[in-house]
Amino acid sequence: MAPNQALERAVTPASHLRWSLRARRSAPSVRFILMKKTMKIIGLGIITAALSISLAFPGEERKKIYSDVASFKAGFDIGITERNIDINNDGKMDVLLFSYGGEETTLYLLIKEQDHFVHIGIPAGESYDILENPKYCEIKIGFGTFPTFSDIHGPGPDRYYWYDFYQVVGVTLTNTNSRHRDFYKDMKKLYEKRIEELKEEIKRLEKEKSEKGSDVSVLDLFAQFKRDHIQRYREFIKKALIIIQGKSGT
């Protein structure tokens, strides 16, 4: 096994992943990307804000307490997959629900109390993994280098995600990133390696621009996407360093 493959496996140990789901996204055509690129900044900002409000947390305005799972699901006009799991280790079976709407997948969590369920809001991400061990469960949420909408922000996220870890304590969602310092050390190496690869890809695009017959506008756009990915990876590295150095309570 190549060293890089071994490192990538170490980042997400198969023995700890019991159940996972990734949001499905499709890359737009070059013509569609260019059309989005020509939109005015103000118009793009309005569209992005509207999409974020309507799609990022579609259940945020729903009430917090439900008599049963069916009452929570009432009104959903999109597909839902559910799984029963005692995610807070209190001896009662809770419910995870994934709803599918277009390219977006949203995770909902219903915590079982004596005679009702409490809805806990989960950050909207691009991947969701449930990590189980004998002592507690964790939710691992992945965020891409463009974690919102690929039709606006280019051809989708790059190779590596940023991950946040959460544990449900009672009916509270608690960040547990500080438990995973070794994980973030490994991810930091991958982010740094990918930045160097993206720099080389940008150099190749710049060289291709100088060749006769190349579509300069498309190459410029793709190069900018890669620069944006680099910027996001640098942000990921800064966050990873805070956790690795123990400077954050998360």
C-alpha atoms as a PDB file:
ATOM      1  CA  MET A   1       0.000   0.000   0.000  1.00  0.00           C
ATOM      2  CA  ALA A   2       1.324   3.442  -0.901  1.00  0.00           C
ATOM      3  CA  PRO A   3       2.097   5.797   2.026  1.00  0.00           C
ATOM      4  CA  ASN A   4      -0.572   8.285   0.985  1.00  0.00           C
ATOM      5  CA  GLN A   5      -3.200   5.550   0.817  1.00  0.00           C
ATOM      6  CA  ALA A   6      -2.236   4.356   4.271  1.00  0.00           C
ATOM      7  CA  LEU A   7      -2.523   7.873   5.655  1.00  0.00           C
ATOM      8  CA  GLU A   8      -5.923   8.433   4.098  1.00  0.00           C
ATOM      9  CA  ARG A   9      -7.163   5.166   5.612  1.00  0.00           C
ATOM     10  CA  ALA A  10      -5.841   6.198   8.969  1.00  0.00           C
ATOM     11  CA  VAL A  11      -7.870   9.410   8.776  1.00  0.00           C
ATOM     12  CA  THR A  12     -11.156   7.476   8.733  1.00  0.00           C
ATOM     13  CA  PRO A  13     -10.640   4.118  10.485  1.00  0.00           C
ATOM     14  CA  ALA A  14     -13.037   1.549   9.050  1.00  0.00           C
ATOM     15  CA  SER A  15     -13.389  -0.179  12.426  1.00  0.00           C
ATOM     16  CA  HIS A  16     -15.125   2.897  13.870  1.00  0.00           C
ATOM     17  CA  LEU A  17     -17.508   3.677  11.029  1.00  0.00           C
ATOM     18  CA  ARG A  18     -20.794   1.850  11.571  1.00  0.00           C
ATOM     19  CA  TRP A  19     -23.120   3.905   9.433  1.00  0.00           C
ATOM     20  CA  SER A  20     -22.495   6.824   7.139  1.00  0.00           C
ATOM     21  CA  LEU A  21     -24.119   8.855   4.423  1.00  0.00           C
ATOM     22  CA  ARG A  22     -22.818  11.476   2.028  1.00  0.00           C
ATOM     23  CA  ALA A  23     -24.728  14.277   0.375  1.00  0.00           C
ATOM     24  CA  ARG A  24     -25.099  13.722  -3.337  1.00  0.00           C
ATOM     25  CA  ARG A  25     -23.900  16.529  -5.626  1.00  0.00           C
ATOM     26  CA  SER A  26     -23.448  16.781  -9.371  1.00  0.00           C
ATOM     27  CA  ALA A  27     -20.887  18.964 -11.148  1.00  0.00           C
ATOM     28  CA  PRO A  28     -22.319  21.602 -13.530  1.00  0.00           C
ATOM     29  CA  SER A  29     -21.211  22.094 -17.117  1.00  0.00           C
ATOM     30  CA  VAL A  30     -18.507  24.604 -18.042  1.00  0.00           C
ATOM     31  CA  ARG A  31     -21.116  26.746 -19.812  1.00  0.00           C
ATOM     32  CA  PHE A  32     -23.254  26.809 -16.689  1.00  0.00           C
ATOM     33  CA  ILE A  33     -20.259  27.751 -14.537  1.00  0.00           C
ATOM     34  CA  LEU A  34     -19.365  30.616 -16.884  1.00  0.00           C
ATOM     35  CA  MET A  35     -22.941  31.837 -16.849  1.00  0.00           C
ATOM     36  CA  LYS A  36     -22.842  31.973 -13.051  1.00  0.00           C
ATOM     37  CA  LYS A  37     -19.483  33.719 -13.200  1.00  0.00           C
ATOM     38  CA  THR A  38     -20.945  36.585 -15.242  1.00  0.00           C
ATOM     39  CA  MET A  39     -23.675  37.340 -12.698  1.00  0.00           C
ATOM     40  CA  LYS A  40     -23.347  40.557 -10.737  1.00  0.00           C
ATOM     41  CA  ILE A  41     -21.860  40.238  -7.264  1.00  0.00           C
ATOM     42  CA  ILE A  42     -24.922  41.701  -5.594  1.00  0.00           C
ATOM     43  CA  GLY A  43     -27.272  39.362  -7.416  1.00  0.00           C
ATOM     44  CA  LEU A  44     -25.106  36.362  -6.570  1.00  0.00           C
ATOM     45  CA  GLY A  45     -25.041  37.361  -2.916  1.00  0.00           C
ATOM     46  CA  ILE A  46     -28.834  37.600  -2.813  1.00  0.00           C
ATOM     47  CA  ILE A  47     -29.243  34.183  -4.442  1.00  0.00           C
ATOM     48  CA  THR A  48     -26.680  32.583  -2.134  1.00  0.00           C
ATOM     49  CA  ALA A  49     -28.339  34.050   0.951  1.00  0.00           C
ATOM     50  CA  ALA A  50     -31.764  32.920  -0.189  1.00  0.00           C
ATOM     51  CA  LEU A  51     -30.532  29.393  -0.872  1.00  0.00           C
ATOM     52  CA  SER A  52     -28.809  29.233   2.500  1.00  0.00           C
ATOM     53  CA  ILE A  53     -31.956  30.302   4.325  1.00  0.00           C
ATOM     54  CA  SER A  54     -34.234  27.903   2.463  1.00  0.00           C
ATOM     55  CA  LEU A  55     -31.994  24.845   2.202  1.00  0.00           C
ATOM     56  CA  ALA A  56     -29.237  24.802   4.815  1.00  0.00           C
ATOM     57  CA  PHE A  57     -31.495  24.181   7.811  1.00  0.00           C
ATOM     58  CA  PRO A  58     -34.923  23.293   6.403  1.00  0.00           C
ATOM     59  CA  GLY A  59     -36.185  22.030   9.782  1.00  0.00           C
ATOM     60  CA  GLU A  60     -34.913  24.911  11.872  1.00  0.00           C
ATOM     61  CA  GLU A  61     -38.325  26.551  12.282  1.00  0.00           C
ATOM     62  CA  ARG A  62     -40.051  23.316  13.284  1.00  0.00           C
ATOM     63  CA  LYS A  63     -41.065  22.945  16.921  1.00  0.00           C
ATOM     64  CA  LYS A  64     -38.606  21.256  19.274  1.00  0.00           C
ATOM     65  CA  ILE A  65     -40.807  18.672  21.035  1.00  0.00           C
ATOM     66  CA  TYR A  66     -42.782  15.918  19.266  1.00  0.00           C
ATOM     67  CA  SER A  67     -45.101  13.236  20.604  1.00  0.00           C
ATOM     68  CA  ASP A  68     -43.758  10.698  18.110  1.00  0.00           C
ATOM     69  CA  VAL A  69     -41.589  10.384  14.994  1.00  0.00           C
ATOM     70  CA  ALA A  70     -44.583  10.506  12.660  1.00  0.00           C
ATOM     71  CA  SER A  71     -45.558  13.953  13.918  1.00  0.00           C
ATOM     72  CA  PHE A  72     -42.069  15.243  13.142  1.00  0.00           C
ATOM     73  CA  LYS A  73     -42.104  13.752   9.649  1.00  0.00           C
ATOM     74  CA  ALA A  74     -45.547  15.161   8.853  1.00  0.00           C
ATOM     75  CA  GLY A  75     -45.281  17.794   6.157  1.00  0.00           C
ATOM     76  CA  PHE A  76     -42.025  16.583   4.655  1.00  0.00           C
ATOM     77  CA  ASP A  77     -42.463  16.272   0.900  1.00  0.00           C
ATOM     78  CA  ILE A  78     -39.011  14.767   0.323  1.00  0.00           C
ATOM     79  CA  GLY A  79     -37.542  11.326   0.912  1.00  0.00           C
ATOM     80  CA  ILE A  80     -36.555  10.353   4.449  1.00  0.00           C
ATOM     81  CA  THR A  81     -34.389   7.517   5.735  1.00  0.00           C
ATOM     82  CA  GLU A  82     -34.441   6.788   9.459  1.00  0.00           C
ATOM     83  CA  ARG A  83     -32.391   4.709  11.874  1.00  0.00           C
ATOM     84  CA  ASN A  84     -32.974   3.881  15.546  1.00  0.00           C
ATOM     85  CA  ILE A  85     -29.956   4.270  17.812  1.00  0.00           C
ATOM     86  CA  ASP A  86     -29.304   5.118  21.464  1.00  0.00           C
ATOM     87  CA  ILE A  87     -27.010   7.971  20.516  1.00  0.00           C
ATOM     88  CA  ASN A  88     -26.752   9.546  23.981  1.00  0.00           C
ATOM     89  CA  ASN A  89     -26.347   6.226  25.858  1.00  0.00           C
ATOM     90  CA  ASP A  90     -29.294   6.758  28.195  1.00  0.00           C
ATOM     91  CA  GLY A  91     -30.966   3.414  27.504  1.00  0.00           C
ATOM     92  CA  LYS A  92     -33.686   4.841  25.238  1.00  0.00           C
ATOM     93  CA  MET A  93     -33.783   4.495  21.463  1.00  0.00           C
ATOM     94  CA  ASP A  94     -33.339   7.783  19.617  1.00  0.00           C
ATOM     95  CA  VAL A  95     -33.969   8.369  15.913  1.00  0.00           C
ATOM     96  CA  LEU A  96     -31.692   9.659  13.159  1.00  0.00           C
ATOM     97  CA  LEU A  97     -33.471  10.924  10.039  1.00  0.00           C
ATOM     98  CA  PHE A  98     -31.872  11.881   6.732  1.00  0.00           C
ATOM     99  CA  SER A  99     -34.001  13.944   4.373  1.00  0.00           C
ATOM    100  CA  TYR A 100     -33.206  14.314   0.690  1.00  0.00           C
ATOM    101  CA  GLY A 101     -34.057  17.458  -1.240  1.00  0.00           C
ATOM    102  CA  GLY A 102     -32.453  17.873  -4.663  1.00  0.00           C
ATOM    103  CA  GLU A 103     -28.684  17.741  -4.168  1.00  0.00           C
ATOM    104  CA  GLU A 104     -28.881  18.425  -0.435  1.00  0.00           C
ATOM    105  CA  THR A 105     -29.055  15.906   2.401  1.00  0.00           C
ATOM    106  CA  THR A 106     -29.973  17.040   5.916  1.00  0.00           C
ATOM    107  CA  LEU A 107     -29.582  15.136   9.189  1.00  0.00           C
ATOM    108  CA  TYR A 108     -32.220  15.431  11.917  1.00  0.00           C
ATOM    109  CA  LEU A 109     -31.899  13.973  15.395  1.00  0.00           C
ATOM    110  CA  LEU A 110     -34.814  13.097  17.680  1.00  0.00           C
ATOM    111  CA  ILE A 111     -33.865  12.276  21.282  1.00  0.00           C
ATOM    112  CA  LYS A 112     -36.286   9.991  23.124  1.00  0.00           C
ATOM    113  CA  GLU A 113     -37.521  11.283  26.475  1.00  0.00           C
ATOM    114  CA  GLN A 114     -40.131   9.592  28.697  1.00  0.00           C
ATOM    115  CA  ASP A 115     -43.206  10.351  26.585  1.00  0.00           C
ATOM    116  CA  HIS A 116     -41.938  12.499  23.721  1.00  0.00           C
ATOM    117  CA  PHE A 117     -39.026  13.244  21.396  1.00  0.00           C
ATOM    118  CA  VAL A 118     -36.812  16.341  21.480  1.00  0.00           C
ATOM    119  CA  HIS A 119     -35.485  17.624  18.159  1.00  0.00           C
ATOM    120  CA  ILE A 120     -31.802  18.623  18.231  1.00  0.00           C
ATOM    121  CA  GLY A 121     -30.484  20.792  15.397  1.00  0.00           C
ATOM    122  CA  ILE A 122     -27.482  19.329  13.542  1.00  0.00           C
ATOM    123  CA  PRO A 123     -25.094  21.518  11.471  1.00  0.00           C
ATOM    124  CA  ALA A 124     -25.696  21.054   7.747  1.00  0.00           C
ATOM    125  CA  GLY A 125     -22.738  19.271   6.146  1.00  0.00           C
ATOM    126  CA  GLU A 126     -21.770  17.291   3.076  1.00  0.00           C
ATOM    127  CA  SER A 127     -21.165  13.993   4.851  1.00  0.00           C
ATOM    128  CA  TYR A 128     -22.379  12.407   8.069  1.00  0.00           C
ATOM    129  CA  ASP A 129     -20.745   9.468   9.854  1.00  0.00           C
ATOM    130  CA  ILE A 130     -21.947   7.842  13.058  1.00  0.00           C
ATOM    131  CA  LEU A 131     -18.985   6.644  15.130  1.00  0.00           C
ATOM    132  CA  GLU A 132     -19.821   4.074  17.780  1.00  0.00           C
ATOM    133  CA  ASN A 133     -17.738   2.682  20.602  1.00  0.00           C
ATOM    134  CA  PRO A 134     -18.714   1.041  23.938  1.00  0.00           C
ATOM    135  CA  LYS A 135     -18.591   4.328  25.891  1.00  0.00           C
ATOM    136  CA  TYR A 136     -20.331   6.820  23.591  1.00  0.00           C
ATOM    137  CA  CYS A 137     -21.425   7.655  20.045  1.00  0.00           C
ATOM    138  CA  GLU A 138     -20.170  10.587  18.015  1.00  0.00           C
ATOM    139  CA  ILE A 139     -21.454  12.316  14.902  1.00  0.00           C
ATOM    140  CA  LYS A 140     -18.717  13.210  12.419  1.00  0.00           C
ATOM    141  CA  ILE A 141     -19.777  15.922   9.948  1.00  0.00           C
ATOM    142  CA  GLY A 142     -17.764  16.755   6.834  1.00  0.00           C
ATOM    143  CA  PHE A 143     -17.590  20.184   5.161  1.00  0.00           C
ATOM    144  CA  GLY A 144     -16.062  20.592   1.706  1.00  0.00           C
ATOM    145  CA  THR A 145     -13.799  23.318   0.397  1.00  0.00           C
ATOM    146  CA  PHE A 146     -16.972  24.793  -1.091  1.00  0.00           C
ATOM    147  CA  PRO A 147     -19.470  23.535   1.500  1.00  0.00           C
ATOM    148  CA  THR A 148     -22.602  25.215   0.159  1.00  0.00           C
ATOM    149  CA  PHE A 149     -23.773  24.794  -3.442  1.00  0.00           C
ATOM    150  CA  SER A 150     -21.699  23.508  -6.331  1.00  0.00           C
ATOM    151  CA  ASP A 151     -23.845  25.206  -9.002  1.00  0.00           C
ATOM    152  CA  ILE A 152     -22.673  28.596  -7.712  1.00  0.00           C
ATOM    153  CA  HIS A 153     -19.247  27.836  -6.267  1.00  0.00           C
ATOM    154  CA  GLY A 154     -17.774  25.820  -9.101  1.00  0.00           C
ATOM    155  CA  PRO A 155     -17.555  22.098  -9.808  1.00  0.00           C
ATOM    156  CA  GLY A 156     -17.997  20.981  -6.221  1.00  0.00           C
ATOM    157  CA  PRO A 157     -15.705  20.515  -3.212  1.00  0.00           C
ATOM    158  CA  ASP A 158     -12.112  19.428  -3.542  1.00  0.00           C
ATOM    159  CA  ARG A 159     -10.584  16.158  -2.387  1.00  0.00           C
ATOM    160  CA  TYR A 160     -10.494  16.581   1.393  1.00  0.00           C
ATOM    161  CA  TYR A 161     -13.098  17.788   3.856  1.00  0.00           C
ATOM    162  CA  TRP A 162     -12.974  19.562   7.177  1.00  0.00           C
ATOM    163  CA  TYR A 163     -14.577  17.444   9.898  1.00  0.00           C
ATOM    164  CA  ASP A 164     -16.273  18.360  13.161  1.00  0.00           C
ATOM    165  CA  PHE A 165     -17.102  15.787  15.833  1.00  0.00           C
ATOM    166  CA  TYR A 166     -20.106  15.959  18.168  1.00  0.00           C
ATOM    167  CA  GLN A 167     -21.450  13.914  21.057  1.00  0.00           C
ATOM    168  CA  VAL A 168     -25.024  14.104  22.302  1.00  0.00           C
ATOM    169  CA  VAL A 169     -25.063  14.561  26.076  1.00  0.00           C
ATOM    170  CA  GLY A 170     -28.641  14.328  27.316  1.00  0.00           C
ATOM    171  CA  VAL A 171     -30.396  16.609  24.840  1.00  0.00           C
ATOM    172  CA  THR A 172     -27.371  18.815  24.129  1.00  0.00           C
ATOM    173  CA  LEU A 173     -25.042  18.606  21.136  1.00  0.00           C
ATOM    174  CA  THR A 174     -21.445  18.982  22.351  1.00  0.00           C
ATOM    175  CA  ASN A 175     -18.394  19.525  20.134  1.00  0.00           C
ATOM    176  CA  THR A 176     -15.684  16.896  20.774  1.00  0.00           C
ATOM    177  CA  ASN A 177     -12.953  17.908  18.333  1.00  0.00           C
ATOM    178  CA  SER A 178     -10.384  18.047  21.142  1.00  0.00           C
ATOM    179  CA  ARG A 179     -10.611  14.251  21.499  1.00  0.00           C
ATOM    180  CA  HIS A 180      -9.250  13.834  17.995  1.00  0.00           C
ATOM    181  CA  ARG A 181      -5.948  15.717  17.910  1.00  0.00           C
ATOM    182  CA  ASP A 182      -4.160  12.847  16.130  1.00  0.00           C
ATOM    183  CA  PHE A 183      -6.893  12.839  13.494  1.00  0.00           C
ATOM    184  CA  TYR A 184      -6.370  16.550  12.827  1.00  0.00           C
ATOM    185  CA  LYS A 185      -2.586  16.054  12.662  1.00  0.00           C
ATOM    186  CA  ASP A 186      -3.177  13.567   9.842  1.00  0.00           C
ATOM    187  CA  MET A 187      -5.677  15.844   8.112  1.00  0.00           C
ATOM    188  CA  LYS A 188      -3.267  18.782   8.334  1.00  0.00           C
ATOM    189  CA  LYS A 189      -0.690  16.742   6.391  1.00  0.00           C
ATOM    190  CA  LEU A 190      -3.259  15.946   3.719  1.00  0.00           C
ATOM    191  CA  TYR A 191      -4.343  19.598   3.434  1.00  0.00           C
ATOM    192  CA  GLU A 192      -0.715  20.735   3.076  1.00  0.00           C
ATOM    193  CA  LYS A 193       0.004  18.077   0.462  1.00  0.00           C
ATOM    194  CA  ARG A 194      -3.112  18.999  -1.493  1.00  0.00           C
ATOM    195  CA  ILE A 195      -2.194  22.701  -1.476  1.00  0.00           C
ATOM    196  CA  GLU A 196       1.101  21.872  -3.187  1.00  0.00           C
ATOM    197  CA  GLU A 197      -0.724  19.704  -5.741  1.00  0.00           C
ATOM    198  CA  LEU A 198      -3.187  22.509  -6.486  1.00  0.00           C
ATOM    199  CA  LYS A 199      -0.325  24.959  -6.976  1.00  0.00           C
ATOM    200  CA  GLU A 200       1.139  22.623  -9.598  1.00  0.00           C
ATOM    201  CA  GLU A 201      -2.263  22.274 -11.266  1.00  0.00           C
ATOM    202  CA  ILE A 202      -2.524  26.062 -11.467  1.00  0.00           C
ATOM    203  CA  LYS A 203       0.927  26.204 -13.083  1.00  0.00           C
ATOM    204  CA  ARG A 204      -0.206  23.692 -15.705  1.00  0.00           C
ATOM    205  CA  LEU A 205      -3.301  25.767 -16.431  1.00  0.00           C
ATOM    206  CA  GLU A 206      -1.199  28.909 -16.794  1.00  0.00           C
ATOM    207  CA  LYS A 207       1.049  27.047 -19.243  1.00  0.00           C
ATOM    208  CA  GLU A 208      -1.960  25.788 -21.182  1.00  0.00           C
ATOM    209  CA  LYS A 209      -3.252  29.366 -21.475  1.00  0.00           C
ATOM    210  CA  SER A 210      -0.185  30.263 -23.512  1.00  0.00           C
ATOM    211  CA  GLU A 211      -0.814  27.471 -26.014  1.00  0.00           C
ATOM    212  CA  LYS A 212      -2.571  28.357 -29.213  1.00  0.00           C
ATOM    213  CA  GLY A 213      -6.294  27.616 -29.334  1.00  0.00           C
ATOM    214  CA  SER A 214      -6.883  27.401 -25.589  1.00  0.00           C
ATOM    215  CA  ASP A 215     -10.065  28.900 -24.127  1.00  0.00           C
ATOM    216  CA  VAL A 216      -8.483  31.445 -21.804  1.00  0.00           C
ATOM    217  CA  SER A 217     -11.705  32.367 -19.983  1.00  0.00           C
ATOM    218  CA  VAL A 218     -12.387  28.767 -18.980  1.00  0.00           C
ATOM    219  CA  LEU A 219      -8.787  28.205 -17.875  1.00  0.00           C
ATOM    220  CA  ASP A 220      -8.824  31.398 -15.817  1.00  0.00           C
ATOM    221  CA  LEU A 221     -12.012  30.262 -14.132  1.00  0.00           C
ATOM    222  CA  PHE A 222     -10.659  26.809 -13.308  1.00  0.00           C
ATOM    223  CA  ALA A 223      -7.450  28.343 -11.950  1.00  0.00           C
ATOM    224  CA  GLN A 224      -9.508  30.610  -9.691  1.00  0.00           C
ATOM    225  CA  PHE A 225     -11.448  27.613  -8.386  1.00  0.00           C
ATOM    226  CA  LYS A 226      -8.165  25.989  -7.423  1.00  0.00           C
ATOM    227  CA  ARG A 227      -6.958  29.171  -5.699  1.00  0.00           C
ATOM    228  CA  ASP A 228     -10.221  29.231  -3.751  1.00  0.00           C
ATOM    229  CA  HIS A 229      -9.680  25.613  -2.704  1.00  0.00           C
ATOM    230  CA  ILE A 230      -6.176  26.526  -1.531  1.00  0.00           C
ATOM    231  CA  GLN A 231      -7.597  29.344   0.577  1.00  0.00           C
ATOM    232  CA  ARG A 232     -10.099  27.000   2.204  1.00  0.00           C
ATOM    233  CA  TYR A 233      -7.375  24.441   2.940  1.00  0.00           C
ATOM    234  CA  ARG A 234      -5.345  27.171   4.621  1.00  0.00           C
ATOM    235  CA  GLU A 235      -8.369  27.947   6.795  1.00  0.00           C
ATOM    236  CA  PHE A 236      -8.679  24.233   7.600  1.00  0.00           C
ATOM    237  CA  ILE A 237      -4.999  24.137   8.618  1.00  0.00           C
ATOM    238  CA  LYS A 238      -5.456  27.104  10.970  1.00  0.00           C
ATOM    239  CA  LYS A 239      -8.419  25.429  12.649  1.00  0.00           C
ATOM    240  CA  ALA A 240      -6.542  22.126  12.899  1.00  0.00           C
ATOM    241  CA  LEU A 241      -3.566  23.846  14.548  1.00  0.00           C
ATOM    242  CA  ILE A 242      -5.818  25.379  17.214  1.00  0.00           C
ATOM    243  CA  ILE A 243      -7.113  21.907  18.094  1.00  0.00           C
ATOM    244  CA  ILE A 244      -3.692  20.213  17.887  1.00  0.00           C
ATOM    245  CA  GLN A 245      -2.111  22.822  20.151  1.00  0.00           C
ATOM    246  CA  GLY A 246      -4.990  22.587  22.605  1.00  0.00           C
ATOM    247  CA  LYS A 247      -5.836  26.307  22.391  1.00  0.00           C
ATOM    248  CA  SER A 248      -9.562  25.735  21.970  1.00  0.00           C
ATOM    249  CA  GLY A 249     -12.115  24.215  24.255  1.00  0.00           C
ATOM    250  CA  THR A 250     -13.660  22.313  21.331  1.00  0.00           C
END
